Amino acid sequence: METCFAWLSQMFMNFQLTPMVIESEKRGAVKLALQYVPEPVSGKNLGEVHIYLMECIGLPCLQGKQLNSLVKCIFLPDRKSGQKTKPVGGENNDVSVHHTFICDGFFPDDLTEVCAELTVWDHRIFRNKFLGGLRLGSGKGKSFGIDVNWMDSTPAEISLWESMIKSPNTWVIDILPLRISSPRQRG
């Protein structure tokens, strides 16, 4: 029995986790454009955030199957604002999405307090498999004065979000790597 434990102990001592940067590179990336419209045509006093998904690039193919992906968008802290794309097939680990999410009800000051979480899923009949995600926001760890764990944007995600805030009525475009960390990996 002791030999079994010694073998297991040795096996785990030699096991090293790969850094998050390498893992995110394997997850693929999303090419997207953001725009804040402070006074939309609808006549409301509150602004809109537009997120235009162009494509998902370099997604992992699971079990050798052809990609059939969908993207979900939730604005935090309001979890009721969820939207998703239709499943889109793709080849060579790339998927052209061409879908715009529009969420309204934002004063300019609100944009530093909210976070847009985009998650990419491999869509299957019985279950969706989480491929990766990103969180667009200020990354300050707080929302409306409360500490929150979801306000954890990476420097690239923060940069794109801040560019959107500084350039109202203008599309800002970037390609952002997907991450594997998402506390809500629901299918």
N, C-alpha and C. Protein backbone atom coordinates (compact mmCIF):
# COMPACT_ATOMS: atom_id res chain seq x y z
N MET A 1 0.82 -1.19 0.00
CA MET A 1 0.00 0.00 0.00
C MET A 1 0.87 1.26 0.00
N GLU A 2 1.97 1.23 0.80
CA GLU A 2 2.84 2.39 0.87
C GLU A 2 3.50 2.68 -0.48
N THR A 3 3.80 1.62 -1.25
CA THR A 3 4.41 1.83 -2.56
C THR A 3 3.45 2.56 -3.48
N CYS A 4 2.18 2.25 -3.39
CA CYS A 4 1.17 2.93 -4.22
C CYS A 4 1.13 4.42 -3.89
N PHE A 5 1.13 4.75 -2.59
CA PHE A 5 1.09 6.15 -2.19
C PHE A 5 2.38 6.87 -2.58
N ALA A 6 3.51 6.18 -2.47
CA ALA A 6 4.79 6.78 -2.86
C ALA A 6 4.79 7.07 -4.35
N TRP A 7 4.27 6.15 -5.14
CA TRP A 7 4.19 6.35 -6.60
C TRP A 7 3.28 7.53 -6.93
N LEU A 8 2.09 7.60 -6.31
CA LEU A 8 1.16 8.71 -6.55
C LEU A 8 1.78 10.03 -6.12
N SER A 9 2.44 10.03 -4.97
CA SER A 9 3.07 11.25 -4.48
C SER A 9 4.14 11.73 -5.46
N GLN A 10 4.96 10.82 -5.96
CA GLN A 10 5.99 11.18 -6.93
C GLN A 10 5.37 11.71 -8.22
N MET A 11 4.27 11.08 -8.67
CA MET A 11 3.61 11.50 -9.90
C MET A 11 3.10 12.94 -9.77
N PHE A 12 2.48 13.28 -8.65
CA PHE A 12 1.93 14.62 -8.47
C PHE A 12 3.03 15.65 -8.25
N MET A 13 4.14 15.27 -7.69
CA MET A 13 5.25 16.21 -7.50
C MET A 13 5.85 16.63 -8.83
N ASN A 14 5.83 15.74 -9.82
CA ASN A 14 6.40 16.04 -11.13
C ASN A 14 5.41 16.74 -12.06
N PHE A 15 4.15 16.83 -11.67
CA PHE A 15 3.13 17.43 -12.51
C PHE A 15 3.16 18.94 -12.36
N GLN A 16 3.27 19.65 -13.48
CA GLN A 16 3.28 21.11 -13.44
C GLN A 16 2.12 21.65 -14.26
N LEU A 17 1.46 22.63 -13.71
CA LEU A 17 0.37 23.27 -14.44
C LEU A 17 0.95 24.23 -15.46
N THR A 18 0.32 24.29 -16.62
CA THR A 18 0.77 25.23 -17.63
C THR A 18 0.28 26.62 -17.28
N PRO A 19 1.06 27.65 -17.59
CA PRO A 19 0.65 29.02 -17.28
C PRO A 19 -0.64 29.40 -18.00
N MET A 20 -1.40 30.33 -17.41
CA MET A 20 -2.67 30.77 -17.97
C MET A 20 -2.49 31.33 -19.38
N VAL A 21 -1.37 31.99 -19.66
CA VAL A 21 -1.16 32.59 -20.98
C VAL A 21 -1.16 31.51 -22.05
N ILE A 22 -0.47 30.41 -21.79
CA ILE A 22 -0.43 29.32 -22.77
C ILE A 22 -1.82 28.72 -22.94
N GLU A 23 -2.53 28.51 -21.84
CA GLU A 23 -3.88 27.97 -21.94
C GLU A 23 -4.79 28.87 -22.76
N SER A 24 -4.70 30.21 -22.56
CA SER A 24 -5.60 31.09 -23.30
C SER A 24 -5.30 31.10 -24.78
N GLU A 25 -4.01 30.93 -25.15
CA GLU A 25 -3.67 30.88 -26.56
C GLU A 25 -4.32 29.68 -27.23
N LYS A 26 -4.43 28.57 -26.51
CA LYS A 26 -5.03 27.37 -27.06
C LYS A 26 -6.55 27.49 -27.19
N ARG A 27 -7.13 28.43 -26.52
CA ARG A 27 -8.58 28.60 -26.52
C ARG A 27 -9.07 29.33 -27.76
N GLY A 28 -8.21 30.02 -28.44
CA GLY A 28 -8.62 30.80 -29.60
C GLY A 28 -8.82 32.25 -29.23
N ALA A 29 -9.45 32.97 -30.13
CA ALA A 29 -9.64 34.41 -29.93
C ALA A 29 -10.95 34.84 -30.59
N VAL A 30 -11.38 36.05 -30.25
CA VAL A 30 -12.60 36.62 -30.83
C VAL A 30 -12.24 37.97 -31.44
N LYS A 31 -12.62 38.16 -32.69
CA LYS A 31 -12.48 39.47 -33.34
C LYS A 31 -13.82 40.18 -33.18
N LEU A 32 -13.77 41.35 -32.54
CA LEU A 32 -15.01 42.07 -32.25
C LEU A 32 -14.81 43.57 -32.32
N ALA A 33 -15.93 44.27 -32.41
CA ALA A 33 -15.94 45.73 -32.41
C ALA A 33 -16.94 46.18 -31.34
N LEU A 34 -16.59 47.26 -30.65
CA LEU A 34 -17.47 47.83 -29.61
C LEU A 34 -17.80 49.27 -29.96
N GLN A 35 -18.98 49.69 -29.52
CA GLN A 35 -19.38 51.08 -29.72
C GLN A 35 -20.35 51.47 -28.61
N TYR A 36 -20.13 52.65 -28.03
CA TYR A 36 -21.09 53.20 -27.08
C TYR A 36 -21.83 54.33 -27.78
N VAL A 37 -23.16 54.22 -27.78
CA VAL A 37 -24.02 55.23 -28.40
C VAL A 37 -24.74 55.95 -27.26
N PRO A 38 -24.26 57.18 -26.89
CA PRO A 38 -24.83 57.87 -25.73
C PRO A 38 -26.29 58.27 -25.91
N GLU A 39 -26.69 58.66 -27.10
CA GLU A 39 -28.07 59.09 -27.35
C GLU A 39 -28.60 58.36 -28.58
N PRO A 40 -29.09 57.14 -28.39
CA PRO A 40 -29.55 56.36 -29.53
C PRO A 40 -30.77 56.98 -30.20
N VAL A 41 -31.02 56.56 -31.42
CA VAL A 41 -32.13 57.08 -32.22
C VAL A 41 -33.48 56.80 -31.57
N SER A 42 -33.53 55.78 -30.72
CA SER A 42 -34.80 55.39 -30.09
C SER A 42 -35.41 56.50 -29.23
N GLY A 43 -34.65 57.56 -28.93
CA GLY A 43 -35.18 58.68 -28.17
C GLY A 43 -35.04 58.51 -26.66
N LYS A 44 -34.47 57.40 -26.21
CA LYS A 44 -34.26 57.21 -24.78
C LYS A 44 -33.10 58.09 -24.33
N ASN A 45 -33.11 58.48 -23.06
CA ASN A 45 -32.02 59.29 -22.52
C ASN A 45 -30.79 58.45 -22.17
N LEU A 46 -30.98 57.15 -22.10
CA LEU A 46 -29.88 56.26 -21.73
C LEU A 46 -29.19 55.72 -22.97
N GLY A 47 -27.90 55.48 -22.85
CA GLY A 47 -27.11 55.02 -23.99
C GLY A 47 -27.15 53.51 -24.19
N GLU A 48 -26.58 53.09 -25.31
CA GLU A 48 -26.52 51.68 -25.68
C GLU A 48 -25.07 51.26 -25.91
N VAL A 49 -24.77 50.02 -25.55
CA VAL A 49 -23.49 49.41 -25.89
C VAL A 49 -23.76 48.41 -27.01
N HIS A 50 -23.01 48.54 -28.10
CA HIS A 50 -23.13 47.62 -29.23
C HIS A 50 -21.85 46.77 -29.27
N ILE A 51 -22.02 45.47 -29.34
CA ILE A 51 -20.89 44.55 -29.47
C ILE A 51 -21.11 43.76 -30.74
N TYR A 52 -20.25 44.01 -31.73
CA TYR A 52 -20.36 43.31 -33.01
C TYR A 52 -19.30 42.21 -33.06
N LEU A 53 -19.77 40.96 -33.06
CA LEU A 53 -18.87 39.81 -33.15
C LEU A 53 -18.62 39.52 -34.62
N MET A 54 -17.38 39.62 -35.03
CA MET A 54 -17.03 39.33 -36.41
C MET A 54 -16.75 37.85 -36.60
N GLU A 55 -15.79 37.34 -35.82
CA GLU A 55 -15.46 35.92 -35.95
C GLU A 55 -14.74 35.40 -34.72
N CYS A 56 -14.80 34.08 -34.57
CA CYS A 56 -14.02 33.38 -33.57
C CYS A 56 -12.89 32.68 -34.33
N ILE A 57 -11.68 32.84 -33.85
CA ILE A 57 -10.50 32.38 -34.56
C ILE A 57 -9.75 31.34 -33.73
N GLY A 58 -9.37 30.25 -34.36
CA GLY A 58 -8.53 29.24 -33.71
C GLY A 58 -9.18 28.52 -32.55
N LEU A 59 -10.49 28.29 -32.64
CA LEU A 59 -11.18 27.57 -31.57
C LEU A 59 -10.73 26.11 -31.55
N PRO A 60 -10.70 25.50 -30.38
CA PRO A 60 -10.32 24.08 -30.33
C PRO A 60 -11.46 23.21 -30.85
N CYS A 61 -11.14 22.25 -31.70
CA CYS A 61 -12.13 21.26 -32.15
C CYS A 61 -12.18 20.16 -31.11
N LEU A 62 -13.35 19.90 -30.60
CA LEU A 62 -13.49 18.89 -29.56
C LEU A 62 -13.77 17.53 -30.18
N GLN A 63 -13.02 16.56 -29.79
CA GLN A 63 -13.19 15.17 -30.22
C GLN A 63 -13.23 15.05 -31.74
N GLY A 64 -12.46 15.88 -32.45
CA GLY A 64 -12.36 15.78 -33.90
C GLY A 64 -13.63 16.16 -34.65
N LYS A 65 -14.58 16.77 -33.99
CA LYS A 65 -15.84 17.13 -34.62
C LYS A 65 -15.73 18.50 -35.27
N GLN A 66 -16.57 18.75 -36.25
CA GLN A 66 -16.62 20.06 -36.88
C GLN A 66 -17.19 21.06 -35.86
N LEU A 67 -16.71 22.28 -35.92
CA LEU A 67 -17.18 23.32 -35.00
C LEU A 67 -18.64 23.66 -35.26
N ASN A 68 -19.37 23.87 -34.20
CA ASN A 68 -20.74 24.35 -34.25
C ASN A 68 -20.89 25.25 -33.02
N SER A 69 -20.47 26.51 -33.15
CA SER A 69 -20.31 27.38 -31.99
C SER A 69 -21.44 28.39 -31.84
N LEU A 70 -21.63 28.80 -30.59
CA LEU A 70 -22.51 29.92 -30.30
C LEU A 70 -21.84 30.77 -29.25
N VAL A 71 -22.22 32.05 -29.21
CA VAL A 71 -21.64 32.99 -28.26
C VAL A 71 -22.76 33.57 -27.41
N LYS A 72 -22.54 33.60 -26.10
CA LYS A 72 -23.50 34.19 -25.17
C LYS A 72 -22.91 35.49 -24.62
N CYS A 73 -23.78 36.46 -24.38
CA CYS A 73 -23.36 37.75 -23.85
C CYS A 73 -24.25 38.10 -22.66
N ILE A 74 -23.61 38.40 -21.54
CA ILE A 74 -24.32 38.81 -20.32
C ILE A 74 -23.66 40.08 -19.82
N PHE A 75 -24.47 41.08 -19.48
CA PHE A 75 -23.94 42.28 -18.83
C PHE A 75 -24.10 42.11 -17.33
N LEU A 76 -22.99 42.17 -16.63
CA LEU A 76 -22.98 42.04 -15.18
C LEU A 76 -22.94 43.41 -14.55
N PRO A 77 -23.62 43.66 -13.46
CA PRO A 77 -24.24 42.71 -12.55
C PRO A 77 -25.65 42.26 -12.93
N ASP A 78 -26.25 42.78 -13.96
CA ASP A 78 -27.62 42.41 -14.34
C ASP A 78 -27.61 41.14 -15.16
N ARG A 79 -27.81 40.02 -14.54
CA ARG A 79 -27.75 38.72 -15.24
C ARG A 79 -28.96 38.49 -16.15
N LYS A 80 -29.96 39.35 -16.07
CA LYS A 80 -31.16 39.19 -16.89
C LYS A 80 -30.96 39.67 -18.33
N SER A 81 -29.82 40.28 -18.60
CA SER A 81 -29.60 40.89 -19.91
C SER A 81 -28.99 39.92 -20.92
N GLY A 82 -29.08 38.63 -20.69
CA GLY A 82 -28.42 37.65 -21.55
C GLY A 82 -28.97 37.57 -22.96
N GLN A 83 -28.05 37.44 -23.91
CA GLN A 83 -28.38 37.25 -25.31
C GLN A 83 -27.44 36.19 -25.86
N LYS A 84 -27.81 35.55 -26.96
CA LYS A 84 -26.90 34.60 -27.57
C LYS A 84 -27.11 34.56 -29.08
N THR A 85 -26.07 34.11 -29.77
CA THR A 85 -26.14 33.97 -31.21
C THR A 85 -26.78 32.62 -31.54
N LYS A 86 -27.14 32.46 -32.79
CA LYS A 86 -27.54 31.14 -33.26
C LYS A 86 -26.27 30.31 -33.42
N PRO A 87 -26.36 28.98 -33.31
CA PRO A 87 -25.17 28.17 -33.55
C PRO A 87 -24.68 28.35 -34.99
N VAL A 88 -23.37 28.51 -35.13
CA VAL A 88 -22.77 28.73 -36.44
C VAL A 88 -21.67 27.70 -36.64
N GLY A 89 -21.72 27.02 -37.77
CA GLY A 89 -20.70 26.02 -38.08
C GLY A 89 -19.47 26.67 -38.69
N GLY A 90 -18.36 25.97 -38.58
CA GLY A 90 -17.13 26.49 -39.16
C GLY A 90 -16.14 25.38 -39.42
N GLU A 91 -15.15 25.69 -40.20
CA GLU A 91 -14.09 24.75 -40.51
C GLU A 91 -12.75 25.37 -40.17
N ASN A 92 -11.73 24.53 -40.05
CA ASN A 92 -10.38 24.98 -39.75
C ASN A 92 -10.30 25.80 -38.47
N ASN A 93 -11.12 25.50 -37.50
CA ASN A 93 -11.13 26.12 -36.18
C ASN A 93 -11.54 27.60 -36.19
N ASP A 94 -12.08 28.09 -37.28
CA ASP A 94 -12.55 29.47 -37.38
C ASP A 94 -14.05 29.49 -37.67
N VAL A 95 -14.76 30.45 -37.06
CA VAL A 95 -16.19 30.58 -37.25
C VAL A 95 -16.52 32.04 -37.52
N SER A 96 -17.16 32.34 -38.65
CA SER A 96 -17.64 33.69 -38.93
C SER A 96 -18.98 33.87 -38.26
N VAL A 97 -19.06 34.81 -37.34
CA VAL A 97 -20.27 34.98 -36.54
C VAL A 97 -21.17 36.08 -37.10
N HIS A 98 -20.66 37.28 -37.28
CA HIS A 98 -21.40 38.44 -37.79
C HIS A 98 -22.74 38.62 -37.06
N HIS A 99 -22.62 38.95 -35.78
CA HIS A 99 -23.81 39.15 -34.93
C HIS A 99 -23.55 40.36 -34.03
N THR A 100 -24.57 41.17 -33.82
CA THR A 100 -24.45 42.33 -32.95
C THR A 100 -25.34 42.17 -31.72
N PHE A 101 -24.73 42.32 -30.55
CA PHE A 101 -25.47 42.38 -29.30
C PHE A 101 -25.67 43.85 -28.99
N ILE A 102 -26.89 44.22 -28.61
CA ILE A 102 -27.18 45.60 -28.20
C ILE A 102 -27.81 45.56 -26.82
N CYS A 103 -27.22 46.31 -25.91
CA CYS A 103 -27.77 46.40 -24.56
C CYS A 103 -27.92 47.88 -24.23
N ASP A 104 -29.10 48.26 -23.76
CA ASP A 104 -29.35 49.67 -23.49
C ASP A 104 -29.50 49.92 -22.00
N GLY A 105 -29.64 51.20 -21.65
CA GLY A 105 -29.86 51.60 -20.27
C GLY A 105 -28.61 52.05 -19.55
N PHE A 106 -27.63 52.59 -20.27
CA PHE A 106 -26.37 52.99 -19.66
C PHE A 106 -26.16 54.50 -19.69
N PHE A 107 -25.95 55.07 -18.51
CA PHE A 107 -25.40 56.42 -18.43
C PHE A 107 -23.90 56.27 -18.66
N PRO A 108 -23.21 57.30 -19.13
CA PRO A 108 -21.76 57.18 -19.35
C PRO A 108 -21.00 56.70 -18.11
N ASP A 109 -21.38 57.16 -16.92
CA ASP A 109 -20.69 56.74 -15.69
C ASP A 109 -20.91 55.26 -15.37
N ASP A 110 -22.00 54.68 -15.87
CA ASP A 110 -22.28 53.26 -15.61
C ASP A 110 -21.26 52.35 -16.28
N LEU A 111 -20.62 52.82 -17.33
CA LEU A 111 -19.74 51.95 -18.11
C LEU A 111 -18.51 51.49 -17.32
N THR A 112 -18.11 52.21 -16.29
CA THR A 112 -16.99 51.76 -15.45
C THR A 112 -17.45 50.81 -14.35
N GLU A 113 -18.76 50.64 -14.22
CA GLU A 113 -19.33 49.80 -13.15
C GLU A 113 -19.86 48.46 -13.65
N VAL A 114 -19.97 48.28 -14.96
CA VAL A 114 -20.53 47.06 -15.52
C VAL A 114 -19.45 46.29 -16.28
N CYS A 115 -19.81 45.07 -16.64
CA CYS A 115 -18.88 44.21 -17.36
C CYS A 115 -19.69 43.38 -18.36
N ALA A 116 -19.22 43.32 -19.59
CA ALA A 116 -19.85 42.48 -20.61
C ALA A 116 -19.08 41.16 -20.66
N GLU A 117 -19.74 40.08 -20.29
CA GLU A 117 -19.10 38.77 -20.33
C GLU A 117 -19.55 38.03 -21.59
N LEU A 118 -18.59 37.69 -22.43
CA LEU A 118 -18.85 36.91 -23.65
C LEU A 118 -18.27 35.52 -23.45
N THR A 119 -19.08 34.51 -23.68
CA THR A 119 -18.60 33.14 -23.57
C THR A 119 -18.87 32.42 -24.89
N VAL A 120 -17.92 31.60 -25.31
CA VAL A 120 -18.02 30.85 -26.56
C VAL A 120 -18.24 29.38 -26.20
N TRP A 121 -19.20 28.77 -26.88
CA TRP A 121 -19.62 27.40 -26.58
C TRP A 121 -19.61 26.55 -27.85
N ASP A 122 -19.24 25.29 -27.70
CA ASP A 122 -19.41 24.31 -28.77
C ASP A 122 -20.81 23.75 -28.58
N HIS A 123 -21.70 24.04 -29.53
CA HIS A 123 -23.12 23.68 -29.39
C HIS A 123 -23.35 22.25 -29.86
N ARG A 124 -23.92 21.47 -28.97
CA ARG A 124 -24.30 20.09 -29.29
C ARG A 124 -25.75 19.89 -28.89
N ILE A 125 -26.39 18.84 -29.41
CA ILE A 125 -27.82 18.62 -29.18
C ILE A 125 -28.15 18.50 -27.70
N PHE A 126 -27.38 17.72 -26.96
CA PHE A 126 -27.73 17.47 -25.57
C PHE A 126 -26.99 18.35 -24.57
N ARG A 127 -25.86 18.91 -24.99
CA ARG A 127 -25.09 19.70 -24.03
C ARG A 127 -24.12 20.62 -24.77
N ASN A 128 -24.01 21.85 -24.29
CA ASN A 128 -23.02 22.78 -24.82
C ASN A 128 -21.74 22.65 -24.02
N LYS A 129 -20.59 22.75 -24.70
CA LYS A 129 -19.29 22.64 -24.04
C LYS A 129 -18.61 24.00 -24.08
N PHE A 130 -18.21 24.48 -22.90
CA PHE A 130 -17.56 25.78 -22.76
C PHE A 130 -16.19 25.75 -23.43
N LEU A 131 -15.92 26.71 -24.35
CA LEU A 131 -14.64 26.79 -25.03
C LEU A 131 -13.75 27.91 -24.46
N GLY A 132 -14.35 28.99 -24.01
CA GLY A 132 -13.59 30.10 -23.47
C GLY A 132 -14.44 31.34 -23.38
N GLY A 133 -13.90 32.37 -22.77
CA GLY A 133 -14.67 33.60 -22.62
C GLY A 133 -13.77 34.79 -22.39
N LEU A 134 -14.41 35.94 -22.31
CA LEU A 134 -13.71 37.17 -21.97
C LEU A 134 -14.67 38.09 -21.27
N ARG A 135 -14.10 39.04 -20.53
CA ARG A 135 -14.91 40.00 -19.79
C ARG A 135 -14.43 41.40 -20.13
N LEU A 136 -15.30 42.16 -20.73
CA LEU A 136 -14.99 43.52 -21.13
C LEU A 136 -15.48 44.47 -20.05
N GLY A 137 -14.56 45.19 -19.44
CA GLY A 137 -14.94 46.11 -18.38
C GLY A 137 -13.70 46.84 -17.87
N SER A 138 -13.89 47.54 -16.76
CA SER A 138 -12.80 48.33 -16.20
C SER A 138 -11.76 47.49 -15.46
N GLY A 139 -12.15 46.29 -15.03
CA GLY A 139 -11.21 45.41 -14.33
C GLY A 139 -10.82 45.85 -12.94
N LYS A 140 -11.60 46.75 -12.35
CA LYS A 140 -11.21 47.33 -11.07
C LYS A 140 -11.62 46.50 -9.85
N GLY A 141 -12.33 45.39 -10.07
CA GLY A 141 -12.69 44.53 -8.95
C GLY A 141 -13.90 44.98 -8.15
N LYS A 142 -14.47 46.12 -8.50
CA LYS A 142 -15.65 46.65 -7.81
C LYS A 142 -16.72 47.05 -8.82
N SER A 143 -17.96 46.94 -8.38
CA SER A 143 -19.09 47.39 -9.19
C SER A 143 -20.04 48.14 -8.27
N PHE A 144 -20.24 49.41 -8.57
CA PHE A 144 -21.10 50.28 -7.76
C PHE A 144 -20.71 50.21 -6.28
N GLY A 145 -19.38 50.21 -6.01
CA GLY A 145 -18.85 50.24 -4.66
C GLY A 145 -18.76 48.89 -3.95
N ILE A 146 -19.15 47.81 -4.60
CA ILE A 146 -19.13 46.49 -3.98
C ILE A 146 -18.04 45.64 -4.63
N ASP A 147 -17.24 44.95 -3.80
CA ASP A 147 -16.23 44.04 -4.33
C ASP A 147 -16.91 42.88 -5.05
N VAL A 148 -16.48 42.61 -6.30
CA VAL A 148 -17.04 41.51 -7.08
C VAL A 148 -15.91 40.74 -7.75
N ASN A 149 -16.08 39.43 -7.89
CA ASN A 149 -15.02 38.62 -8.50
C ASN A 149 -15.08 38.63 -10.03
N TRP A 150 -16.16 39.08 -10.61
CA TRP A 150 -16.28 39.06 -12.07
C TRP A 150 -15.71 40.30 -12.75
N MET A 151 -15.30 41.28 -12.01
CA MET A 151 -14.70 42.49 -12.61
C MET A 151 -13.18 42.27 -12.69
N ASP A 152 -12.80 41.26 -13.49
CA ASP A 152 -11.40 40.83 -13.55
C ASP A 152 -10.85 40.87 -14.98
N SER A 153 -11.20 41.86 -15.73
CA SER A 153 -10.76 41.97 -17.12
C SER A 153 -9.24 41.99 -17.23
N THR A 154 -8.74 41.41 -18.31
CA THR A 154 -7.30 41.42 -18.60
C THR A 154 -6.93 42.80 -19.13
N PRO A 155 -5.64 43.13 -19.17
CA PRO A 155 -5.23 44.43 -19.71
C PRO A 155 -5.75 44.69 -21.14
N ALA A 156 -5.75 43.67 -22.01
CA ALA A 156 -6.25 43.86 -23.38
C ALA A 156 -7.76 44.12 -23.38
N GLU A 157 -8.51 43.43 -22.52
CA GLU A 157 -9.96 43.63 -22.43
C GLU A 157 -10.27 45.03 -21.88
N ILE A 158 -9.51 45.45 -20.87
CA ILE A 158 -9.68 46.79 -20.29
C ILE A 158 -9.38 47.85 -21.35
N SER A 159 -8.31 47.68 -22.10
CA SER A 159 -7.92 48.65 -23.12
C SER A 159 -9.00 48.84 -24.17
N LEU A 160 -9.59 47.74 -24.64
CA LEU A 160 -10.66 47.86 -25.64
C LEU A 160 -11.88 48.56 -25.04
N TRP A 161 -12.25 48.20 -23.81
CA TRP A 161 -13.41 48.81 -23.14
C TRP A 161 -13.19 50.32 -22.94
N GLU A 162 -11.98 50.70 -22.49
CA GLU A 162 -11.68 52.12 -22.29
C GLU A 162 -11.66 52.88 -23.62
N SER A 163 -11.18 52.25 -24.67
CA SER A 163 -11.21 52.89 -26.00
C SER A 163 -12.64 53.17 -26.43
N MET A 164 -13.55 52.23 -26.13
CA MET A 164 -14.96 52.43 -26.46
C MET A 164 -15.53 53.62 -25.68
N ILE A 165 -15.22 53.69 -24.39
CA ILE A 165 -15.74 54.78 -23.55
C ILE A 165 -15.23 56.13 -24.04
N LYS A 166 -13.95 56.20 -24.42
CA LYS A 166 -13.33 57.46 -24.85
C LYS A 166 -13.75 57.90 -26.25
N SER A 167 -14.35 56.99 -27.02
CA SER A 167 -14.71 57.29 -28.41
C SER A 167 -16.18 56.99 -28.68
N PRO A 168 -17.11 57.74 -28.06
CA PRO A 168 -18.53 57.44 -28.29
C PRO A 168 -18.89 57.59 -29.77
N ASN A 169 -19.86 56.79 -30.18
CA ASN A 169 -20.36 56.76 -31.57
C ASN A 169 -19.31 56.34 -32.59
N THR A 170 -18.26 55.66 -32.13
CA THR A 170 -17.20 55.19 -33.01
C THR A 170 -16.92 53.72 -32.69
N TRP A 171 -16.80 52.90 -33.73
CA TRP A 171 -16.46 51.50 -33.52
C TRP A 171 -14.98 51.37 -33.20
N VAL A 172 -14.65 50.60 -32.17
CA VAL A 172 -13.27 50.24 -31.85
C VAL A 172 -13.16 48.73 -32.02
N ILE A 173 -12.10 48.29 -32.69
CA ILE A 173 -11.97 46.88 -33.09
C ILE A 173 -10.71 46.28 -32.50
N ASP A 174 -10.79 45.01 -32.12
CA ASP A 174 -9.61 44.29 -31.64
C ASP A 174 -9.87 42.79 -31.74
N ILE A 175 -8.80 42.03 -31.60
CA ILE A 175 -8.87 40.57 -31.49
C ILE A 175 -8.38 40.23 -30.10
N LEU A 176 -9.25 39.62 -29.31
CA LEU A 176 -8.92 39.31 -27.91
C LEU A 176 -8.86 37.80 -27.70
N PRO A 177 -7.85 37.33 -26.97
CA PRO A 177 -7.76 35.89 -26.69
C PRO A 177 -8.83 35.45 -25.69
N LEU A 178 -9.35 34.26 -25.91
CA LEU A 178 -10.31 33.69 -24.98
C LEU A 178 -9.56 33.14 -23.77
N ARG A 179 -10.23 33.22 -22.61
CA ARG A 179 -9.66 32.67 -21.38
C ARG A 179 -10.52 31.49 -20.95
N ILE A 180 -9.95 30.66 -20.08
CA ILE A 180 -10.71 29.51 -19.61
C ILE A 180 -11.44 29.79 -18.31
N SER A 181 -11.15 30.92 -17.66
CA SER A 181 -11.75 31.19 -16.37
C SER A 181 -13.11 31.86 -16.52
N SER A 182 -14.13 31.17 -16.10
CA SER A 182 -15.49 31.73 -16.06
C SER A 182 -16.24 31.01 -14.95
N PRO A 183 -16.70 31.73 -13.93
CA PRO A 183 -17.36 31.06 -12.81
C PRO A 183 -18.71 30.44 -13.19
N ARG A 184 -19.28 30.88 -14.30
CA ARG A 184 -20.59 30.37 -14.68
C ARG A 184 -20.46 29.59 -15.99
N GLN A 185 -19.94 28.41 -15.93
CA GLN A 185 -19.76 27.62 -17.14
C GLN A 185 -20.97 26.74 -17.35
N ARG A 186 -22.10 27.37 -17.60
CA ARG A 186 -23.35 26.64 -17.83
C ARG A 186 -23.55 26.46 -19.32
N GLY A 187 -24.17 25.38 -19.68
CA GLY A 187 -24.41 25.10 -21.10
C GLY A 187 -25.73 25.52 -21.58
